[in-house]
Structure formats: C-alpha cells, structure tokens
Amino acid sequence: MDTGTAPFAELLRRFRDRAELTQEELAERAGISPDAVGLLERGERRRPHTDTVARLAAALELVADERPHFEAAARRQRRSPLKHRRRRCHARRRRYSVAGKPSPPSRVCSASRTCAW
C-alpha cells in the first residue's frame, strides 16, 4: 500500500477497511468517539491531536513501517484553496486618541496582503 503522500483521511479509511472494522468498532478500540472517526475520514478534521493519532495507530495495529507515514500524514497541513473574500484591513478600525475622539484612518497597512482601501 502506497502511504507516502496520501492525505490522512484516505490513509485512515484504507487502514480501517484493511482491518475490517466499522467506524464504531475503531472508535471503541481507540477510545474516541465514532463522530471523531467519521470527521477524520471525511477530512473535516485535518489536524488530529497527537494522542488521537497514537490511539488510532494502536487500534489499527499498524506495522512498524506504516506508523511513521500515518503520523506524518496527520501532521501535514493541507491548505484549502483561498476563498475570494475581502479581508478587513486592520487600518480601517477606529482608533481613539487620548481625548476620546476618533483619529483619522491611516493609509499605512502592515498586513501581509495588499490593503483593500
């Protein structure tokens, strides 16, 4: 089984299928909720806790050469495509002077993206 670059959700599903376990059975063996297993398999939870990964690996009885790939896949962060939405620039926030009056907005923006002024 090629485990080098597969996403964690896919690996979890493959290993669970190979072990012939339902999500509920795996959850019971690992000591986590069935909902957690489902969310991980669907990729809705992409960064499981280290303890959760260790529990799943033990419950799945992974062999020595599979466990590092399983753990590495859990640590890899998959970025979803950026949604096209406008970020609110921090420079647009009202800043109050000492007298309690709003200070004029600054055109200087230290945000990593271009200011949307």
PDB file of N, CA and C in Angstrom:
ATOM      1  N   MET A   1       0.845  -1.181   0.000  1.00  0.00           N
ATOM      2  CA  MET A   1       0.000   0.000   0.000  1.00  0.00           C
ATOM      3  C   MET A   1       0.886   1.239   0.000  1.00  0.00           C
ATOM      4  N   ASP A   2       0.668   2.156  -0.949  1.00  0.00           N
ATOM      5  CA  ASP A   2       1.434   3.386  -1.021  1.00  0.00           C
ATOM      6  C   ASP A   2       0.881   4.377  -0.004  1.00  0.00           C
ATOM      7  N   THR A   3       1.705   4.721   0.988  1.00  0.00           N
ATOM      8  CA  THR A   3       1.250   5.624   2.041  1.00  0.00           C
ATOM      9  C   THR A   3       2.050   6.910   2.080  1.00  0.00           C
ATOM     10  N   GLY A   4       2.983   7.085   1.149  1.00  0.00           N
ATOM     11  CA  GLY A   4       3.905   8.214   1.197  1.00  0.00           C
ATOM     12  C   GLY A   4       3.272   9.592   1.143  1.00  0.00           C
ATOM     13  N   THR A   5       2.323   9.812   0.248  1.00  0.00           N
ATOM     14  CA  THR A   5       1.781  11.156   0.084  1.00  0.00           C
ATOM     15  C   THR A   5       0.264  11.217   0.254  1.00  0.00           C
ATOM     16  N   ALA A   6      -0.351  10.144   0.655  1.00  0.00           N
ATOM     17  CA  ALA A   6      -1.805  10.127   0.800  1.00  0.00           C
ATOM     18  C   ALA A   6      -2.237  11.014   1.961  1.00  0.00           C
ATOM     19  N   PRO A   7      -3.372  11.706   1.816  1.00  0.00           N
ATOM     20  CA  PRO A   7      -3.900  12.502   2.926  1.00  0.00           C
ATOM     21  C   PRO A   7      -4.281  11.597   4.101  1.00  0.00           C
ATOM     22  N   PHE A   8      -4.280  12.172   5.285  1.00  0.00           N
ATOM     23  CA  PHE A   8      -4.575  11.411   6.486  1.00  0.00           C
ATOM     24  C   PHE A   8      -5.938  10.733   6.401  1.00  0.00           C
ATOM     25  N   ALA A   9      -6.946  11.439   5.908  1.00  0.00           N
ATOM     26  CA  ALA A   9      -8.301  10.877   5.819  1.00  0.00           C
ATOM     27  C   ALA A   9      -8.309   9.613   4.973  1.00  0.00           C
ATOM     28  N   GLU A  10      -7.602   9.660   3.858  1.00  0.00           N
ATOM     29  CA  GLU A  10      -7.547   8.494   2.964  1.00  0.00           C
ATOM     30  C   GLU A  10      -6.812   7.327   3.617  1.00  0.00           C
ATOM     31  N   LEU A  11      -5.704   7.618   4.289  1.00  0.00           N
ATOM     32  CA  LEU A  11      -4.961   6.555   4.980  1.00  0.00           C
ATOM     33  C   LEU A  11      -5.804   5.912   6.074  1.00  0.00           C
ATOM     34  N   LEU A  12      -6.474   6.734   6.854  1.00  0.00           N
ATOM     35  CA  LEU A  12      -7.298   6.213   7.934  1.00  0.00           C
ATOM     36  C   LEU A  12      -8.364   5.276   7.379  1.00  0.00           C
ATOM     37  N   ARG A  13      -8.996   5.677   6.310  1.00  0.00           N
ATOM     38  CA  ARG A  13     -10.042   4.845   5.698  1.00  0.00           C
ATOM     39  C   ARG A  13      -9.461   3.533   5.171  1.00  0.00           C
ATOM     40  N   ARG A  14      -8.301   3.626   4.490  1.00  0.00           N
ATOM     41  CA  ARG A  14      -7.675   2.406   3.946  1.00  0.00           C
ATOM     42  C   ARG A  14      -7.306   1.427   5.049  1.00  0.00           C
ATOM     43  N   PHE A  15      -6.671   1.949   6.111  1.00  0.00           N
ATOM     44  CA  PHE A  15      -6.244   1.071   7.202  1.00  0.00           C
ATOM     45  C   PHE A  15      -7.441   0.481   7.939  1.00  0.00           C
ATOM     46  N   ARG A  16      -8.507   1.266   8.094  1.00  0.00           N
ATOM     47  CA  ARG A  16      -9.706   0.752   8.770  1.00  0.00           C
ATOM     48  C   ARG A  16     -10.366  -0.340   7.931  1.00  0.00           C
ATOM     49  N   ASP A  17     -10.439  -0.114   6.621  1.00  0.00           N
ATOM     50  CA  ASP A  17     -11.015  -1.129   5.726  1.00  0.00           C
ATOM     51  C   ASP A  17     -10.181  -2.404   5.748  1.00  0.00           C
ATOM     52  N   ARG A  18      -8.857  -2.235   5.740  1.00  0.00           N
ATOM     53  CA  ARG A  18      -7.985  -3.409   5.772  1.00  0.00           C
ATOM     54  C   ARG A  18      -8.170  -4.212   7.058  1.00  0.00           C
ATOM     55  N   ALA A  19      -8.388  -3.498   8.165  1.00  0.00           N
ATOM     56  CA  ALA A  19      -8.593  -4.165   9.458  1.00  0.00           C
ATOM     57  C   ALA A  19     -10.010  -4.720   9.593  1.00  0.00           C
ATOM     58  N   GLU A  20     -10.852  -4.442   8.595  1.00  0.00           N
ATOM     59  CA  GLU A  20     -12.242  -4.887   8.591  1.00  0.00           C
ATOM     60  C   GLU A  20     -12.999  -4.432   9.838  1.00  0.00           C
ATOM     61  N   LEU A  21     -12.862  -3.132  10.126  1.00  0.00           N
ATOM     62  CA  LEU A  21     -13.529  -2.532  11.276  1.00  0.00           C
ATOM     63  C   LEU A  21     -14.519  -1.481  10.793  1.00  0.00           C
ATOM     64  N   THR A  22     -15.610  -1.345  11.513  1.00  0.00           N
ATOM     65  CA  THR A  22     -16.523  -0.231  11.257  1.00  0.00           C
ATOM     66  C   THR A  22     -15.955   0.995  11.983  1.00  0.00           C
ATOM     67  N   GLN A  23     -16.507   2.153  11.691  1.00  0.00           N
ATOM     68  CA  GLN A  23     -16.064   3.357  12.398  1.00  0.00           C
ATOM     69  C   GLN A  23     -16.323   3.226  13.891  1.00  0.00           C
ATOM     70  N   GLU A  24     -17.452   2.636  14.235  1.00  0.00           N
ATOM     71  CA  GLU A  24     -17.803   2.470  15.650  1.00  0.00           C
ATOM     72  C   GLU A  24     -16.831   1.528  16.349  1.00  0.00           C
ATOM     73  N   GLU A  25     -16.463   0.427  15.692  1.00  0.00           N
ATOM     74  CA  GLU A  25     -15.516  -0.525  16.288  1.00  0.00           C
ATOM     75  C   GLU A  25     -14.139   0.108  16.465  1.00  0.00           C
ATOM     76  N   LEU A  26     -13.696   0.853  15.456  1.00  0.00           N
ATOM     77  CA  LEU A  26     -12.403   1.527  15.573  1.00  0.00           C
ATOM     78  C   LEU A  26     -12.427   2.556  16.691  1.00  0.00           C
ATOM     79  N   ALA A  27     -13.514   3.302  16.773  1.00  0.00           N
ATOM     80  CA  ALA A  27     -13.639   4.309  17.826  1.00  0.00           C
ATOM     81  C   ALA A  27     -13.587   3.668  19.209  1.00  0.00           C
ATOM     82  N   GLU A  28     -14.272   2.553  19.358  1.00  0.00           N
ATOM     83  CA  GLU A  28     -14.277   1.857  20.656  1.00  0.00           C
ATOM     84  C   GLU A  28     -12.886   1.361  21.013  1.00  0.00           C
ATOM     85  N   ARG A  29     -12.191   0.774  20.047  1.00  0.00           N
ATOM     86  CA  ARG A  29     -10.823   0.286  20.294  1.00  0.00           C
ATOM     87  C   ARG A  29      -9.864   1.427  20.635  1.00  0.00           C
ATOM     88  N   ALA A  30     -10.045   2.575  19.962  1.00  0.00           N
ATOM     89  CA  ALA A  30      -9.136   3.701  20.153  1.00  0.00           C
ATOM     90  C   ALA A  30      -9.512   4.573  21.344  1.00  0.00           C
ATOM     91  N   GLY A  31     -10.726   4.409  21.846  1.00  0.00           N
ATOM     92  CA  GLY A  31     -11.166   5.216  22.977  1.00  0.00           C
ATOM     93  C   GLY A  31     -11.530   6.642  22.572  1.00  0.00           C
ATOM     94  N   ILE A  32     -12.033   6.791  21.351  1.00  0.00           N
ATOM     95  CA  ILE A  32     -12.502   8.097  20.892  1.00  0.00           C
ATOM     96  C   ILE A  32     -13.937   7.936  20.401  1.00  0.00           C
ATOM     97  N   SER A  33     -14.581   9.030  20.055  1.00  0.00           N
ATOM     98  CA  SER A  33     -15.984   8.934  19.634  1.00  0.00           C
ATOM     99  C   SER A  33     -16.092   8.509  18.168  1.00  0.00           C
ATOM    100  N   PRO A  34     -17.177   7.827  17.825  1.00  0.00           N
ATOM    101  CA  PRO A  34     -17.403   7.470  16.417  1.00  0.00           C
ATOM    102  C   PRO A  34     -17.507   8.709  15.518  1.00  0.00           C
ATOM    103  N   ASP A  35     -18.048   9.795  16.071  1.00  0.00           N
ATOM    104  CA  ASP A  35     -18.127  11.038  15.305  1.00  0.00           C
ATOM    105  C   ASP A  35     -16.736  11.547  14.936  1.00  0.00           C
ATOM    106  N   ALA A  36     -15.794  11.423  15.858  1.00  0.00           N
ATOM    107  CA  ALA A  36     -14.425  11.870  15.588  1.00  0.00           C
ATOM    108  C   ALA A  36     -13.810  11.068  14.446  1.00  0.00           C
ATOM    109  N   VAL A  37     -14.027   9.766  14.444  1.00  0.00           N
ATOM    110  CA  VAL A  37     -13.509   8.916  13.367  1.00  0.00           C
ATOM    111  C   VAL A  37     -14.127   9.340  12.037  1.00  0.00           C
ATOM    112  N   GLY A  38     -15.432   9.561  12.030  1.00  0.00           N
ATOM    113  CA  GLY A  38     -16.119   9.984  10.817  1.00  0.00           C
ATOM    114  C   GLY A  38     -15.607  11.316  10.284  1.00  0.00           C
ATOM    115  N   LEU A  39     -15.428  12.272  11.177  1.00  0.00           N
ATOM    116  CA  LEU A  39     -14.918  13.581  10.765  1.00  0.00           C
ATOM    117  C   LEU A  39     -13.511  13.476  10.194  1.00  0.00           C
ATOM    118  N   LEU A  40     -12.679  12.659  10.805  1.00  0.00           N
ATOM    119  CA  LEU A  40     -11.312  12.469  10.306  1.00  0.00           C
ATOM    120  C   LEU A  40     -11.310  11.787   8.945  1.00  0.00           C
ATOM    121  N   GLU A  41     -12.153  10.794   8.769  1.00  0.00           N
ATOM    122  CA  GLU A  41     -12.202  10.078   7.487  1.00  0.00           C
ATOM    123  C   GLU A  41     -12.743  10.943   6.354  1.00  0.00           C
ATOM    124  N   ARG A  42     -13.652  11.829   6.659  1.00  0.00           N
ATOM    125  CA  ARG A  42     -14.201  12.716   5.634  1.00  0.00           C
ATOM    126  C   ARG A  42     -13.305  13.919   5.377  1.00  0.00           C
ATOM    127  N   GLY A  43     -12.265  14.074   6.186  1.00  0.00           N
ATOM    128  CA  GLY A  43     -11.354  15.203   6.010  1.00  0.00           C
ATOM    129  C   GLY A  43     -11.870  16.497   6.592  1.00  0.00           C
ATOM    130  N   GLU A  44     -12.914  16.415   7.394  1.00  0.00           N
ATOM    131  CA  GLU A  44     -13.461  17.618   8.020  1.00  0.00           C
ATOM    132  C   GLU A  44     -12.616  18.056   9.207  1.00  0.00           C
ATOM    133  N   ARG A  45     -11.888  17.138   9.772  1.00  0.00           N
ATOM    134  CA  ARG A  45     -10.888  17.439  10.799  1.00  0.00           C
ATOM    135  C   ARG A  45      -9.556  16.995  10.209  1.00  0.00           C
ATOM    136  N   ARG A  46      -8.696  17.954   9.911  1.00  0.00           N
ATOM    137  CA  ARG A  46      -7.465  17.639   9.186  1.00  0.00           C
ATOM    138  C   ARG A  46      -6.238  17.525  10.062  1.00  0.00           C
ATOM    139  N   ARG A  47      -6.288  18.071  11.248  1.00  0.00           N
ATOM    140  CA  ARG A  47      -5.120  18.048  12.122  1.00  0.00           C
ATOM    141  C   ARG A  47      -5.468  17.413  13.459  1.00  0.00           C
ATOM    142  N   PRO A  48      -5.528  16.088  13.526  1.00  0.00           N
ATOM    143  CA  PRO A  48      -5.889  15.442  14.793  1.00  0.00           C
ATOM    144  C   PRO A  48      -4.780  15.602  15.833  1.00  0.00           C
ATOM    145  N   HIS A  49      -5.159  15.517  17.086  1.00  0.00           N
ATOM    146  CA  HIS A  49      -4.185  15.590  18.181  1.00  0.00           C
ATOM    147  C   HIS A  49      -3.235  14.405  18.093  1.00  0.00           C
ATOM    148  N   THR A  50      -2.035  14.602  18.562  1.00  0.00           N
ATOM    149  CA  THR A  50      -1.005  13.559  18.552  1.00  0.00           C
ATOM    150  C   THR A  50      -1.482  12.321  19.293  1.00  0.00           C
ATOM    151  N   ASP A  51      -2.157  12.525  20.418  1.00  0.00           N
ATOM    152  CA  ASP A  51      -2.674  11.406  21.205  1.00  0.00           C
ATOM    153  C   ASP A  51      -3.720  10.616  20.415  1.00  0.00           C
ATOM    154  N   THR A  52      -4.562  11.314  19.679  1.00  0.00           N
ATOM    155  CA  THR A  52      -5.589  10.653  18.869  1.00  0.00           C
ATOM    156  C   THR A  52      -4.946   9.794  17.790  1.00  0.00           C
ATOM    157  N   VAL A  53      -3.916  10.331  17.147  1.00  0.00           N
ATOM    158  CA  VAL A  53      -3.212   9.580  16.100  1.00  0.00           C
ATOM    159  C   VAL A  53      -2.570   8.329  16.691  1.00  0.00           C
ATOM    160  N   ALA A  54      -1.958   8.454  17.858  1.00  0.00           N
ATOM    161  CA  ALA A  54      -1.323   7.305  18.510  1.00  0.00           C
ATOM    162  C   ALA A  54      -2.369   6.247  18.881  1.00  0.00           C
ATOM    163  N   ARG A  55      -3.513   6.686  19.367  1.00  0.00           N
ATOM    164  CA  ARG A  55      -4.588   5.746  19.725  1.00  0.00           C
ATOM    165  C   ARG A  55      -5.117   5.016  18.488  1.00  0.00           C
ATOM    166  N   LEU A  56      -5.290   5.770  17.392  1.00  0.00           N
ATOM    167  CA  LEU A  56      -5.782   5.155  16.156  1.00  0.00           C
ATOM    168  C   LEU A  56      -4.767   4.157  15.601  1.00  0.00           C
ATOM    169  N   ALA A  57      -3.493   4.527  15.623  1.00  0.00           N
ATOM    170  CA  ALA A  57      -2.454   3.628  15.116  1.00  0.00           C
ATOM    171  C   ALA A  57      -2.421   2.330  15.920  1.00  0.00           C
ATOM    172  N   ALA A  58      -2.551   2.439  17.240  1.00  0.00           N
ATOM    173  CA  ALA A  58      -2.556   1.249  18.081  1.00  0.00           C
ATOM    174  C   ALA A  58      -3.799   0.404  17.819  1.00  0.00           C
ATOM    175  N   ALA A  59      -4.947   1.053  17.677  1.00  0.00           N
ATOM    176  CA  ALA A  59      -6.202   0.327  17.432  1.00  0.00           C
ATOM    177  C   ALA A  59      -6.192  -0.367  16.072  1.00  0.00           C
ATOM    178  N   LEU A  60      -5.522   0.249  15.098  1.00  0.00           N
ATOM    179  CA  LEU A  60      -5.442  -0.332  13.757  1.00  0.00           C
ATOM    180  C   LEU A  60      -4.332  -1.378  13.633  1.00  0.00           C
ATOM    181  N   GLU A  61      -3.520  -1.484  14.694  1.00  0.00           N
ATOM    182  CA  GLU A  61      -2.397  -2.433  14.727  1.00  0.00           C
ATOM    183  C   GLU A  61      -1.492  -2.256  13.508  1.00  0.00           C
ATOM    184  N   LEU A  62      -1.064  -1.001  13.299  1.00  0.00           N
ATOM    185  CA  LEU A  62      -0.184  -0.703  12.170  1.00  0.00           C
ATOM    186  C   LEU A  62       1.196  -1.302  12.398  1.00  0.00           C
ATOM    187  N   VAL A  63       1.804  -1.780  11.320  1.00  0.00           N
ATOM    188  CA  VAL A  63       3.152  -2.341  11.428  1.00  0.00           C
ATOM    189  C   VAL A  63       4.157  -1.197  11.486  1.00  0.00           C
ATOM    190  N   ALA A  64       5.386  -1.522  11.858  1.00  0.00           N
ATOM    191  CA  ALA A  64       6.415  -0.516  12.130  1.00  0.00           C
ATOM    192  C   ALA A  64       6.659   0.452  10.971  1.00  0.00           C
ATOM    193  N   ASP A  65       6.621  -0.024   9.731  1.00  0.00           N
ATOM    194  CA  ASP A  65       6.914   0.881   8.616  1.00  0.00           C
ATOM    195  C   ASP A  65       5.701   1.708   8.191  1.00  0.00           C
ATOM    196  N   GLU A  66       4.496   1.374   8.648  1.00  0.00           N
ATOM    197  CA  GLU A  66       3.302   2.142   8.300  1.00  0.00           C
ATOM    198  C   GLU A  66       3.038   3.280   9.276  1.00  0.00           C
ATOM    199  N   ARG A  67       3.398   3.063  10.520  1.00  0.00           N
ATOM    200  CA  ARG A  67       3.089   4.052  11.565  1.00  0.00           C
ATOM    201  C   ARG A  67       3.719   5.425  11.303  1.00  0.00           C
ATOM    202  N   PRO A  68       5.001   5.511  10.909  1.00  0.00           N
ATOM    203  CA  PRO A  68       5.569   6.850  10.643  1.00  0.00           C
ATOM    204  C   PRO A  68       4.841   7.592   9.516  1.00  0.00           C
ATOM    205  N   HIS A  69       4.421   6.871   8.476  1.00  0.00           N
ATOM    206  CA  HIS A  69       3.690   7.503   7.380  1.00  0.00           C
ATOM    207  C   HIS A  69       2.325   8.006   7.852  1.00  0.00           C
ATOM    208  N   PHE A  70       1.681   7.214   8.686  1.00  0.00           N
ATOM    209  CA  PHE A  70       0.380   7.577   9.248  1.00  0.00           C
ATOM    210  C   PHE A  70       0.504   8.838  10.099  1.00  0.00           C
ATOM    211  N   GLU A  71       1.528   8.881  10.957  1.00  0.00           N
ATOM    212  CA  GLU A  71       1.744  10.039  11.823  1.00  0.00           C
ATOM    213  C   GLU A  71       2.131  11.274  11.011  1.00  0.00           C
ATOM    214  N   ALA A  72       2.967  11.081   9.980  1.00  0.00           N
ATOM    215  CA  ALA A  72       3.377  12.207   9.139  1.00  0.00           C
ATOM    216  C   ALA A  72       2.183  12.784   8.376  1.00  0.00           C
ATOM    217  N   ALA A  73       1.309  11.927   7.897  1.00  0.00           N
ATOM    218  CA  ALA A  73       0.117  12.395   7.178  1.00  0.00           C
ATOM    219  C   ALA A  73      -0.775  13.219   8.102  1.00  0.00           C
ATOM    220  N   ALA A  74      -0.822  12.846   9.372  1.00  0.00           N
ATOM    221  CA  ALA A  74      -1.633  13.597  10.333  1.00  0.00           C
ATOM    222  C   ALA A  74      -1.035  14.971  10.610  1.00  0.00           C
ATOM    223  N   ARG A  75       0.277  15.098  10.509  1.00  0.00           N
ATOM    224  CA  ARG A  75       0.938  16.384  10.766  1.00  0.00           C
ATOM    225  C   ARG A  75       0.921  17.307   9.554  1.00  0.00           C
ATOM    226  N   ARG A  76       0.825  16.737   8.356  1.00  0.00           N
ATOM    227  CA  ARG A  76       0.815  17.576   7.151  1.00  0.00           C
ATOM    228  C   ARG A  76      -0.421  18.455   7.143  1.00  0.00           C
ATOM    229  N   GLN A  77      -0.207  19.695   6.867  1.00  0.00           N
ATOM    230  CA  GLN A  77      -1.336  20.605   6.808  1.00  0.00           C
ATOM    231  C   GLN A  77      -1.726  20.805   5.359  1.00  0.00           C
ATOM    232  N   ARG A  78      -2.938  20.445   5.062  1.00  0.00           N
ATOM    233  CA  ARG A  78      -3.466  20.638   3.718  1.00  0.00           C
ATOM    234  C   ARG A  78      -4.178  21.978   3.692  1.00  0.00           C
ATOM    235  N   ARG A  79      -3.754  22.846   2.814  1.00  0.00           N
ATOM    236  CA  ARG A  79      -4.420  24.136   2.691  1.00  0.00           C
ATOM    237  C   ARG A  79      -5.536  24.035   1.680  1.00  0.00           C
ATOM    238  N   SER A  80      -6.659  24.508   2.074  1.00  0.00           N
ATOM    239  CA  SER A  80      -7.768  24.553   1.123  1.00  0.00           C
ATOM    240  C   SER A  80      -7.595  25.807   0.278  1.00  0.00           C
ATOM    241  N   PRO A  81      -8.121  25.802  -0.939  1.00  0.00           N
ATOM    242  CA  PRO A  81      -7.990  26.982  -1.778  1.00  0.00           C
ATOM    243  C   PRO A  81      -8.582  28.205  -1.090  1.00  0.00           C
ATOM    244  N   LEU A  82      -7.913  29.339  -1.240  1.00  0.00           N
ATOM    245  CA  LEU A  82      -8.391  30.566  -0.614  1.00  0.00           C
ATOM    246  C   LEU A  82      -9.723  30.969  -1.222  1.00  0.00           C
ATOM    247  N   LYS A  83     -10.618  31.295  -0.370  1.00  0.00           N
ATOM    248  CA  LYS A  83     -11.906  31.782  -0.840  1.00  0.00           C
ATOM    249  C   LYS A  83     -11.723  33.243  -1.220  1.00  0.00           C
ATOM    250  N   HIS A  84     -12.410  33.630  -2.242  1.00  0.00           N
ATOM    251  CA  HIS A  84     -12.306  35.011  -2.686  1.00  0.00           C
ATOM    252  C   HIS A  84     -13.198  35.882  -1.817  1.00  0.00           C
ATOM    253  N   ARG A  85     -12.630  36.316  -0.754  1.00  0.00           N
ATOM    254  CA  ARG A  85     -13.362  37.221   0.106  1.00  0.00           C
ATOM    255  C   ARG A  85     -12.407  38.316   0.553  1.00  0.00           C
ATOM    256  N   ARG A  86     -12.943  39.435   0.763  1.00  0.00           N
ATOM    257  CA  ARG A  86     -12.138  40.584   1.109  1.00  0.00           C
ATOM    258  C   ARG A  86     -11.844  40.569   2.593  1.00  0.00           C
ATOM    259  N   ARG A  87     -10.589  40.647   2.917  1.00  0.00           N
ATOM    260  CA  ARG A  87     -10.207  40.731   4.321  1.00  0.00           C
ATOM    261  C   ARG A  87     -10.386  42.156   4.800  1.00  0.00           C
ATOM    262  N   ARG A  88     -10.859  42.283   5.991  1.00  0.00           N
ATOM    263  CA  ARG A  88     -10.997  43.618   6.542  1.00  0.00           C
ATOM    264  C   ARG A  88      -9.626  44.079   7.025  1.00  0.00           C
ATOM    265  N   CYS A  89      -9.240  45.191   6.545  1.00  0.00           N
ATOM    266  CA  CYS A  89      -7.926  45.727   6.886  1.00  0.00           C
ATOM    267  C   CYS A  89      -7.936  46.256   8.312  1.00  0.00           C
ATOM    268  N   HIS A  90      -6.874  45.988   9.037  1.00  0.00           N
ATOM    269  CA  HIS A  90      -6.814  46.455  10.416  1.00  0.00           C
ATOM    270  C   HIS A  90      -6.734  47.975  10.481  1.00  0.00           C
ATOM    271  N   ALA A  91      -6.268  48.633   9.401  1.00  0.00           N
ATOM    272  CA  ALA A  91      -6.148  50.085   9.400  1.00  0.00           C
ATOM    273  C   ALA A  91      -7.513  50.769   9.371  1.00  0.00           C
ATOM    274  N   ARG A  92      -8.558  50.044   8.983  1.00  0.00           N
ATOM    275  CA  ARG A  92      -9.894  50.635   8.928  1.00  0.00           C
ATOM    276  C   ARG A  92     -10.553  50.706  10.300  1.00  0.00           C
ATOM    277  N   ARG A  93     -10.020  49.979  11.261  1.00  0.00           N
ATOM    278  CA  ARG A  93     -10.601  50.036  12.601  1.00  0.00           C
ATOM    279  C   ARG A  93     -10.463  51.442  13.161  1.00  0.00           C
ATOM    280  N   ARG A  94     -11.436  51.828  13.900  1.00  0.00           N
ATOM    281  CA  ARG A  94     -11.338  53.152  14.510  1.00  0.00           C
ATOM    282  C   ARG A  94     -10.356  53.102  15.657  1.00  0.00           C
ATOM    283  N   ARG A  95      -9.498  54.056  15.661  1.00  0.00           N
ATOM    284  CA  ARG A  95      -8.537  54.176  16.756  1.00  0.00           C
ATOM    285  C   ARG A  95      -8.849  55.472  17.492  1.00  0.00           C
ATOM    286  N   TYR A  96      -8.840  55.402  18.749  1.00  0.00           N
ATOM    287  CA  TYR A  96      -9.213  56.558  19.543  1.00  0.00           C
ATOM    288  C   TYR A  96      -7.979  57.196  20.148  1.00  0.00           C
ATOM    289  N   SER A  97      -7.968  58.494  20.053  1.00  0.00           N
ATOM    290  CA  SER A  97      -6.866  59.242  20.646  1.00  0.00           C
ATOM    291  C   SER A  97      -7.088  59.311  22.149  1.00  0.00           C
ATOM    292  N   VAL A  98      -6.168  59.938  22.820  1.00  0.00           N
ATOM    293  CA  VAL A  98      -6.256  60.058  24.268  1.00  0.00           C
ATOM    294  C   VAL A  98      -7.486  60.862  24.668  1.00  0.00           C
ATOM    295  N   ALA A  99      -7.875  61.832  23.858  1.00  0.00           N
ATOM    296  CA  ALA A  99      -9.025  62.675  24.178  1.00  0.00           C
ATOM    297  C   ALA A  99     -10.351  61.953  23.951  1.00  0.00           C
ATOM    298  N   GLY A 100     -10.332  60.759  23.382  1.00  0.00           N
ATOM    299  CA  GLY A 100     -11.555  60.007  23.172  1.00  0.00           C
ATOM    300  C   GLY A 100     -12.182  60.252  21.821  1.00  0.00           C
ATOM    301  N   LYS A 101     -11.553  61.062  20.986  1.00  0.00           N
ATOM    302  CA  LYS A 101     -12.067  61.325  19.651  1.00  0.00           C
ATOM    303  C   LYS A 101     -11.402  60.379  18.658  1.00  0.00           C
ATOM    304  N   PRO A 102     -12.141  59.979  17.621  1.00  0.00           N
ATOM    305  CA  PRO A 102     -11.531  59.085  16.624  1.00  0.00           C
ATOM    306  C   PRO A 102     -10.386  59.774  15.904  1.00  0.00           C
ATOM    307  N   SER A 103      -9.316  59.043  15.756  1.00  0.00           N
ATOM    308  CA  SER A 103      -8.188  59.581  14.997  1.00  0.00           C
ATOM    309  C   SER A 103      -8.426  59.279  13.520  1.00  0.00           C
ATOM    310  N   PRO A 104      -7.852  60.039  12.618  1.00  0.00           N
ATOM    311  CA  PRO A 104      -8.060  59.788  11.199  1.00  0.00           C
ATOM    312  C   PRO A 104      -7.476  58.442  10.795  1.00  0.00           C
ATOM    313  N   PRO A 105      -8.105  57.770   9.832  1.00  0.00           N
ATOM    314  CA  PRO A 105      -7.577  56.470   9.402  1.00  0.00           C
ATOM    315  C   PRO A 105      -6.213  56.613   8.761  1.00  0.00           C
ATOM    316  N   SER A 106      -5.403  55.635   8.969  1.00  0.00           N
ATOM    317  CA  SER A 106      -4.051  55.630   8.406  1.00  0.00           C
ATOM    318  C   SER A 106      -4.050  54.828   7.125  1.00  0.00           C
ATOM    319  N   ARG A 107      -3.288  55.273   6.154  1.00  0.00           N
ATOM    320  CA  ARG A 107      -3.166  54.523   4.908  1.00  0.00           C
ATOM    321  C   ARG A 107      -2.039  53.505   4.990  1.00  0.00           C
ATOM    322  N   VAL A 108      -1.313  53.458   6.068  1.00  0.00           N
ATOM    323  CA  VAL A 108      -0.228  52.505   6.229  1.00  0.00           C
ATOM    324  C   VAL A 108      -0.820  51.193   6.725  1.00  0.00           C
ATOM    325  N   CYS A 109      -0.544  50.138   6.029  1.00  0.00           N
ATOM    326  CA  CYS A 109      -1.087  48.836   6.404  1.00  0.00           C
ATOM    327  C   CYS A 109       0.057  47.852   6.504  1.00  0.00           C
ATOM    328  N   SER A 110       0.199  47.224   7.635  1.00  0.00           N
ATOM    329  CA  SER A 110       1.278  46.257   7.804  1.00  0.00           C
ATOM    330  C   SER A 110       0.799  44.834   7.563  1.00  0.00           C
ATOM    331  N   ALA A 111      -0.420  44.684   7.060  1.00  0.00           N
ATOM    332  CA  ALA A 111      -0.941  43.349   6.786  1.00  0.00           C
ATOM    333  C   ALA A 111      -0.149  42.718   5.651  1.00  0.00           C
ATOM    334  N   SER A 112      -0.111  41.398   5.627  1.00  0.00           N
ATOM    335  CA  SER A 112       0.674  40.696   4.616  1.00  0.00           C
ATOM    336  C   SER A 112       0.075  40.843   3.226  1.00  0.00           C
ATOM    337  N   ARG A 113      -1.218  41.102   3.142  1.00  0.00           N
ATOM    338  CA  ARG A 113      -1.858  41.285   1.855  1.00  0.00           C
ATOM    339  C   ARG A 113      -2.010  42.784   1.581  1.00  0.00           C
ATOM    340  N   THR A 114      -2.244  43.112   0.364  1.00  0.00           N
ATOM    341  CA  THR A 114      -2.430  44.498  -0.011  1.00  0.00           C
ATOM    342  C   THR A 114      -3.680  45.040   0.663  1.00  0.00           C
ATOM    343  N   CYS A 115      -3.566  46.220   1.175  1.00  0.00           N
ATOM    344  CA  CYS A 115      -4.675  46.852   1.859  1.00  0.00           C
ATOM    345  C   CYS A 115      -5.816  47.071   0.874  1.00  0.00           C
ATOM    346  N   ALA A 116      -7.033  46.830   1.310  1.00  0.00           N
ATOM    347  CA  ALA A 116      -8.207  46.929   0.439  1.00  0.00           C
ATOM    348  C   ALA A 116      -8.819  48.329   0.459  1.00  0.00           C
ATOM    349  N   TRP A 117      -8.078  49.337   0.901  1.00  0.00           N
ATOM    350  CA  TRP A 117      -8.601  50.704   0.945  1.00  0.00           C
ATOM    351  C   TRP A 117      -9.165  50.995  -0.384  1.00  0.00           C
TER     352      TRP A 117
END
